[in-house]
Amino acid sequence: MTSKTIGSLVAALTGIVLLFVFFGSWYTVDETERGVLLRNGALVGVVEPGLSFKTPFIESVRLISVQSQVTAYEDLQAYSKDQQSAQLKVSVSWHIAPSDVAKVYTQFKDLEGIRDRMISRQVPTQVENVFGKFNAVAAVQNRVQLVNDISTAIKATITGPVIIDSVQVENIDFSDAYEKAIEARMAAEVQVKTREQQLATEQVQAQIRVTQAQAEADSQVAQAKADALATELRGKAEAEAIKARAQALASNQNLVELTKAERWNGVLPTTVLPNGALPFIDIKNQ
């Protein structure tokens, strides 16, 4: 192989390397990221989304996500105010503001650094502190308040180039003995509620029977009053009739004789009192 041939190969390889270097110096930053531009290891700026160029061999780019991140913490140990042991599963949603990307890199280098050195150091402590202010039953019944208090505590203690979006308590697991005691108490409360409902139903039914009996009694009283009033009215009517008849008989003697005649059945009396006079009988009319 001649020197001329060797030179041609070297030139070709050099050209290829230069092409790779040239095209490799172009890079793209996604909308969900920001680029940290380093020149000989020193931060010189933050690159916005889009196509950019870096100086070969001198500049480099580190990409940092500004998307929302979710970090879950399994089995966080905590004790309630009444000394009940529990394990909690807590998830924290957080993100980096685009304007804080440079600060994140200079202080923590990447997202793992800010998660480990800031978030993960505070979450277990704040969960334990807040949970200790609630009784076991209150922690379950007032779960929304518990979550709000934990979220407030975490946001207040984590200060720096990170934004806590939300905190969720996904599970609260008490000891088996305590959960069995809770189940037994709940079963007893259900029985009490059931008996209270039965008593309420019985009271309603008894009230219905009392109402029906009262209505029946009122009906009978009303009927008795009506019967008595009718009897009274009939008596008054009969008395008035007798009185009117008596007045008529007293004022008309012929009417008296007529009444006697109307009541005589045509049979002569069989007994005559001494010195008594026989009733006059007109034979001609017989």
Protein backbone atom coordinates (compact mmCIF):
# COMPACT_ATOMS: atom_id res chain seq x y z
CA MET A 1 0.00 0.00 0.00
CA THR A 2 1.43 3.26 -1.09
CA SER A 3 1.67 6.38 0.98
CA LYS A 4 -0.82 8.05 -1.31
CA THR A 5 -3.37 5.36 -0.60
CA ILE A 6 -2.74 5.61 3.13
CA GLY A 7 -3.25 9.35 3.01
CA SER A 8 -6.53 8.92 1.21
CA LEU A 9 -7.76 6.49 3.84
CA VAL A 10 -6.74 8.80 6.64
CA ALA A 11 -8.48 11.72 4.98
CA ALA A 12 -11.63 9.66 4.48
CA LEU A 13 -11.66 8.49 8.09
CA THR A 14 -11.05 12.02 9.28
CA GLY A 15 -13.95 13.25 7.20
CA ILE A 16 -16.22 10.58 8.59
CA VAL A 17 -15.21 11.42 12.14
CA LEU A 18 -15.78 15.10 11.51
CA LEU A 19 -19.22 14.35 10.10
CA PHE A 20 -20.12 12.29 13.17
CA VAL A 21 -18.83 15.02 15.43
CA PHE A 22 -20.71 17.68 13.53
CA PHE A 23 -24.01 15.89 13.47
CA GLY A 24 -23.49 14.64 17.02
CA SER A 25 -23.21 18.19 18.23
CA TRP A 26 -26.86 18.80 17.42
CA TYR A 27 -29.33 17.71 20.06
CA THR A 28 -33.04 18.06 20.88
CA VAL A 29 -34.58 19.06 24.22
CA ASP A 30 -38.10 17.70 24.77
CA GLU A 31 -40.94 19.90 26.02
CA THR A 32 -41.00 17.92 29.30
CA GLU A 33 -37.30 18.59 29.94
CA ARG A 34 -34.77 21.33 30.23
CA GLY A 35 -31.11 21.05 29.23
CA VAL A 36 -28.25 22.09 31.49
CA LEU A 37 -25.45 23.32 29.19
CA LEU A 38 -21.96 22.69 30.58
CA ARG A 39 -18.74 24.06 29.17
CA ASN A 40 -15.70 22.22 30.46
CA GLY A 41 -17.88 21.14 33.40
CA ALA A 42 -19.11 24.61 34.29
CA LEU A 43 -22.78 25.49 33.97
CA VAL A 44 -23.23 28.17 31.35
CA GLY A 45 -27.00 28.13 30.87
CA VAL A 46 -30.31 26.29 30.64
CA VAL A 47 -31.45 25.14 27.21
CA GLU A 48 -35.12 25.49 26.33
CA PRO A 49 -37.07 22.84 24.37
CA GLY A 50 -36.14 22.52 20.69
CA LEU A 51 -33.12 21.82 18.48
CA SER A 52 -29.78 23.18 19.77
CA PHE A 53 -26.07 22.97 19.01
CA LYS A 54 -23.15 22.41 21.38
CA THR A 55 -19.50 22.93 20.74
CA PRO A 56 -17.83 19.57 20.16
CA PHE A 57 -15.48 18.30 22.86
CA ILE A 58 -16.00 21.43 24.94
CA GLU A 59 -19.69 21.56 25.78
CA SER A 60 -22.06 18.90 27.07
CA VAL A 61 -25.74 18.81 27.99
CA ARG A 62 -27.48 17.18 30.96
CA LEU A 63 -31.26 16.76 30.64
CA ILE A 64 -33.49 17.26 33.70
CA SER A 65 -37.20 16.42 33.62
CA VAL A 66 -39.74 19.02 34.70
CA GLN A 67 -42.61 16.51 34.59
CA SER A 68 -44.53 15.51 37.69
CA GLN A 69 -42.81 12.74 39.62
CA VAL A 70 -44.45 10.28 42.04
CA THR A 71 -42.48 8.76 44.88
CA ALA A 72 -44.15 6.03 46.95
CA TYR A 73 -43.09 5.18 50.49
CA GLU A 74 -44.08 1.69 51.61
CA ASP A 75 -44.53 0.57 55.20
CA LEU A 76 -43.85 3.83 57.02
CA GLN A 77 -43.95 2.98 60.73
CA ALA A 78 -45.94 5.30 62.99
CA TYR A 79 -47.79 5.27 66.32
CA SER A 80 -51.15 6.87 66.95
CA LYS A 81 -51.93 9.11 69.90
CA ASP A 82 -53.34 6.10 71.78
CA GLN A 83 -50.16 4.10 71.06
CA GLN A 84 -51.51 1.89 68.28
CA SER A 85 -48.86 0.76 65.84
CA ALA A 86 -49.57 1.23 62.14
CA GLN A 87 -47.84 0.97 58.80
CA LEU A 88 -48.74 3.59 56.20
CA LYS A 89 -48.29 3.74 52.46
CA VAL A 90 -47.79 7.34 51.35
CA SER A 91 -47.22 8.68 47.86
CA VAL A 92 -45.87 12.16 47.12
CA SER A 93 -46.30 13.92 43.76
CA TRP A 94 -43.69 16.59 43.03
CA HIS A 95 -41.95 18.38 40.19
CA ILE A 96 -39.18 20.82 39.39
CA ALA A 97 -40.06 24.29 38.15
CA PRO A 98 -38.31 25.09 34.84
CA SER A 99 -36.87 28.22 36.37
CA ASP A 100 -35.15 26.14 39.09
CA VAL A 101 -33.42 23.64 36.82
CA ALA A 102 -30.01 25.33 37.15
CA LYS A 103 -30.34 25.41 40.95
CA VAL A 104 -31.31 21.73 41.02
CA TYR A 105 -28.20 20.83 39.04
CA THR A 106 -25.80 22.92 41.09
CA GLN A 107 -27.20 21.74 44.43
CA PHE A 108 -28.39 18.19 43.75
CA LYS A 109 -27.10 17.37 40.23
CA ASP A 110 -30.26 15.42 39.24
CA LEU A 111 -33.75 14.41 40.33
CA GLU A 112 -32.52 11.41 42.29
CA GLY A 113 -30.37 13.70 44.38
CA ILE A 114 -33.20 16.08 45.28
CA ARG A 115 -35.52 13.16 46.00
CA ASP A 116 -33.05 11.36 48.28
CA ARG A 117 -31.63 14.39 50.06
CA MET A 118 -34.78 16.48 50.48
CA ILE A 119 -38.05 14.61 50.03
CA SER A 120 -37.20 11.18 51.39
CA ARG A 121 -35.62 12.66 54.50
CA GLN A 122 -38.73 14.60 55.48
CA VAL A 123 -41.66 12.39 54.49
CA PRO A 124 -41.22 9.61 57.11
CA THR A 125 -40.61 12.12 59.90
CA GLN A 126 -43.62 14.29 59.09
CA VAL A 127 -45.92 11.29 58.64
CA GLU A 128 -44.89 9.97 62.04
CA ASN A 129 -45.33 13.38 63.72
CA VAL A 130 -48.76 14.07 62.27
CA PHE A 131 -50.08 10.54 62.73
CA GLY A 132 -49.12 10.73 66.40
CA LYS A 133 -51.63 13.55 66.89
CA PHE A 134 -54.58 11.31 65.92
CA ASN A 135 -56.19 8.47 67.82
CA ALA A 136 -56.37 5.28 65.82
CA VAL A 137 -60.11 5.55 65.28
CA ALA A 138 -59.88 9.25 64.40
CA ALA A 139 -57.12 8.54 61.87
CA VAL A 140 -59.49 6.24 60.01
CA GLN A 141 -62.69 8.24 60.41
CA ASN A 142 -61.04 11.62 59.70
CA ARG A 143 -58.76 10.40 56.95
CA VAL A 144 -59.21 13.52 54.84
CA GLN A 145 -58.04 15.70 57.73
CA LEU A 146 -55.10 13.36 58.33
CA VAL A 147 -54.00 13.60 54.69
CA ASN A 148 -54.38 17.39 54.69
CA ASP A 149 -52.29 17.72 57.86
CA ILE A 150 -49.55 15.44 56.50
CA SER A 151 -49.50 17.35 53.21
CA THR A 152 -49.27 20.69 55.01
CA ALA A 153 -46.42 19.46 57.21
CA ILE A 154 -44.43 18.08 54.27
CA LYS A 155 -44.85 21.24 52.19
CA ALA A 156 -43.82 23.39 55.13
CA THR A 157 -40.59 21.47 55.80
CA ILE A 158 -39.44 20.85 52.22
CA THR A 159 -38.08 24.18 51.05
CA GLY A 160 -35.95 24.42 47.94
CA PRO A 161 -36.10 23.98 44.20
CA VAL A 162 -38.93 21.44 44.34
CA ILE A 163 -42.70 21.83 44.34
CA ILE A 164 -44.85 19.32 46.27
CA ASP A 165 -48.04 18.85 44.23
CA SER A 166 -49.97 16.48 46.47
CA VAL A 167 -49.71 13.85 49.18
CA GLN A 168 -51.86 10.74 49.38
CA VAL A 169 -52.20 8.23 52.21
CA GLU A 170 -53.02 5.12 50.22
CA ASN A 171 -53.25 2.66 53.09
CA ILE A 172 -53.24 2.48 56.90
CA ASP A 173 -52.52 -0.98 58.24
CA PHE A 174 -52.90 -1.50 61.99
CA SER A 175 -51.80 -4.59 63.91
CA ASP A 176 -53.90 -7.73 63.52
CA ALA A 177 -54.94 -7.68 67.18
CA TYR A 178 -56.17 -4.10 66.94
CA GLU A 179 -58.04 -4.70 63.68
CA LYS A 180 -59.80 -7.72 65.24
CA ALA A 181 -60.79 -5.58 68.21
CA ILE A 182 -62.13 -2.93 65.83
CA GLU A 183 -64.12 -5.57 63.91
CA ALA A 184 -65.64 -6.88 67.15
CA ARG A 185 -66.58 -3.37 68.26
CA MET A 186 -68.09 -2.57 64.88
CA ALA A 187 -70.13 -5.77 64.99
CA ALA A 188 -71.39 -4.82 68.46
CA GLU A 189 -72.29 -1.33 67.24
CA VAL A 190 -74.19 -2.83 64.31
CA GLN A 191 -76.15 -5.04 66.69
CA VAL A 192 -76.97 -2.04 68.86
CA LYS A 193 -78.11 -0.04 65.85
CA THR A 194 -80.20 -2.96 64.64
CA ARG A 195 -81.87 -3.30 68.05
CA GLU A 196 -82.49 0.46 68.16
CA GLN A 197 -84.19 0.26 64.78
CA GLN A 198 -86.29 -2.69 65.95
CA LEU A 199 -87.35 -0.76 69.06
CA ALA A 200 -88.18 2.27 66.94
CA THR A 201 -90.30 0.08 64.67
CA GLU A 202 -92.06 -1.47 67.64
CA GLN A 203 -92.76 1.97 69.07
CA VAL A 204 -94.26 3.11 65.79
CA GLN A 205 -96.41 0.00 65.60
CA ALA A 206 -97.53 0.48 69.22
CA GLN A 207 -98.38 4.10 68.48
CA ILE A 208 -100.40 2.97 65.47
CA ARG A 209 -102.33 0.51 67.65
CA VAL A 210 -102.94 3.21 70.27
CA THR A 211 -104.16 5.57 67.59
CA GLN A 212 -106.46 2.94 66.13
CA ALA A 213 -107.82 2.08 69.60
CA GLN A 214 -108.37 5.75 70.36
CA ALA A 215 -110.16 6.19 67.06
CA GLU A 216 -112.37 3.17 67.81
CA ALA A 217 -113.14 4.50 71.29
CA ASP A 218 -113.92 7.93 69.91
CA SER A 219 -116.20 6.32 67.35
CA GLN A 220 -118.06 4.38 70.03
CA VAL A 221 -118.41 7.48 72.21
CA ALA A 222 -119.73 9.42 69.26
CA GLN A 223 -122.23 6.64 68.48
CA ALA A 224 -123.34 6.49 72.10
CA LYS A 225 -123.81 10.25 72.17
CA ALA A 226 -125.81 10.05 68.95
CA ASP A 227 -128.01 7.24 70.36
CA ALA A 228 -128.57 9.13 73.59
CA LEU A 229 -129.46 12.29 71.72
CA ALA A 230 -131.90 10.35 69.52
CA THR A 231 -133.51 8.75 72.58
CA GLU A 232 -133.77 12.13 74.24
CA LEU A 233 -135.35 13.63 71.15
CA ARG A 234 -137.85 10.74 70.88
CA GLY A 235 -138.75 11.13 74.53
CA LYS A 236 -139.29 14.84 74.16
CA ALA A 237 -141.43 14.24 71.07
CA GLU A 238 -143.57 11.62 72.82
CA ALA A 239 -143.95 13.88 75.87
CA GLU A 240 -145.01 16.76 73.67
CA ALA A 241 -147.52 14.51 71.89
CA ILE A 242 -148.98 13.27 75.19
CA LYS A 243 -149.17 16.78 76.52
CA ALA A 244 -150.94 18.01 73.38
CA ARG A 245 -153.41 15.09 73.52
CA ALA A 246 -154.13 15.69 77.16
CA GLN A 247 -154.82 19.35 76.51
CA ALA A 248 -157.12 18.43 73.62
CA LEU A 249 -159.07 15.93 75.76
CA ALA A 250 -159.41 18.38 78.61
CA SER A 251 -160.82 21.07 76.37
CA ASN A 252 -163.36 18.84 74.54
CA GLN A 253 -165.56 16.45 76.58
CA ASN A 254 -167.08 14.88 73.49
CA LEU A 255 -163.58 13.97 72.42
CA VAL A 256 -163.24 12.14 75.74
CA GLU A 257 -166.36 10.11 75.09
CA LEU A 258 -165.20 9.46 71.59
CA THR A 259 -161.91 8.20 72.89
CA LYS A 260 -163.72 5.88 75.31
CA ALA A 261 -165.90 4.58 72.54
CA GLU A 262 -162.91 4.00 70.35
CA ARG A 263 -161.31 1.93 73.11
CA TRP A 264 -164.60 -0.11 73.97
CA ASN A 265 -164.55 -3.58 72.53
CA GLY A 266 -168.40 -4.06 72.62
CA VAL A 267 -168.51 -6.33 75.69
CA LEU A 268 -170.69 -5.30 78.69
CA PRO A 269 -169.03 -5.32 82.06
CA THR A 270 -169.65 -8.46 84.08
CA THR A 271 -169.26 -6.81 87.44
CA VAL A 272 -171.33 -3.92 88.73
CA LEU A 273 -170.30 -2.10 91.86
CA PRO A 274 -172.97 -1.48 94.54
CA ASN A 275 -175.02 1.65 93.89
CA GLY A 276 -173.37 1.71 90.51
CA ALA A 277 -175.33 2.60 87.49
CA LEU A 278 -175.41 0.47 84.44
CA PRO A 279 -174.09 2.09 81.41
CA PHE A 280 -176.83 3.36 79.16
CA ILE A 281 -177.39 1.30 76.10
CA ASP A 282 -179.54 2.46 73.32
CA ILE A 283 -181.36 -0.77 72.22
CA LYS A 284 -182.64 0.82 69.12
CA ASN A 285 -179.21 1.27 67.88
CA GLN A 286 -178.22 -2.33 68.64
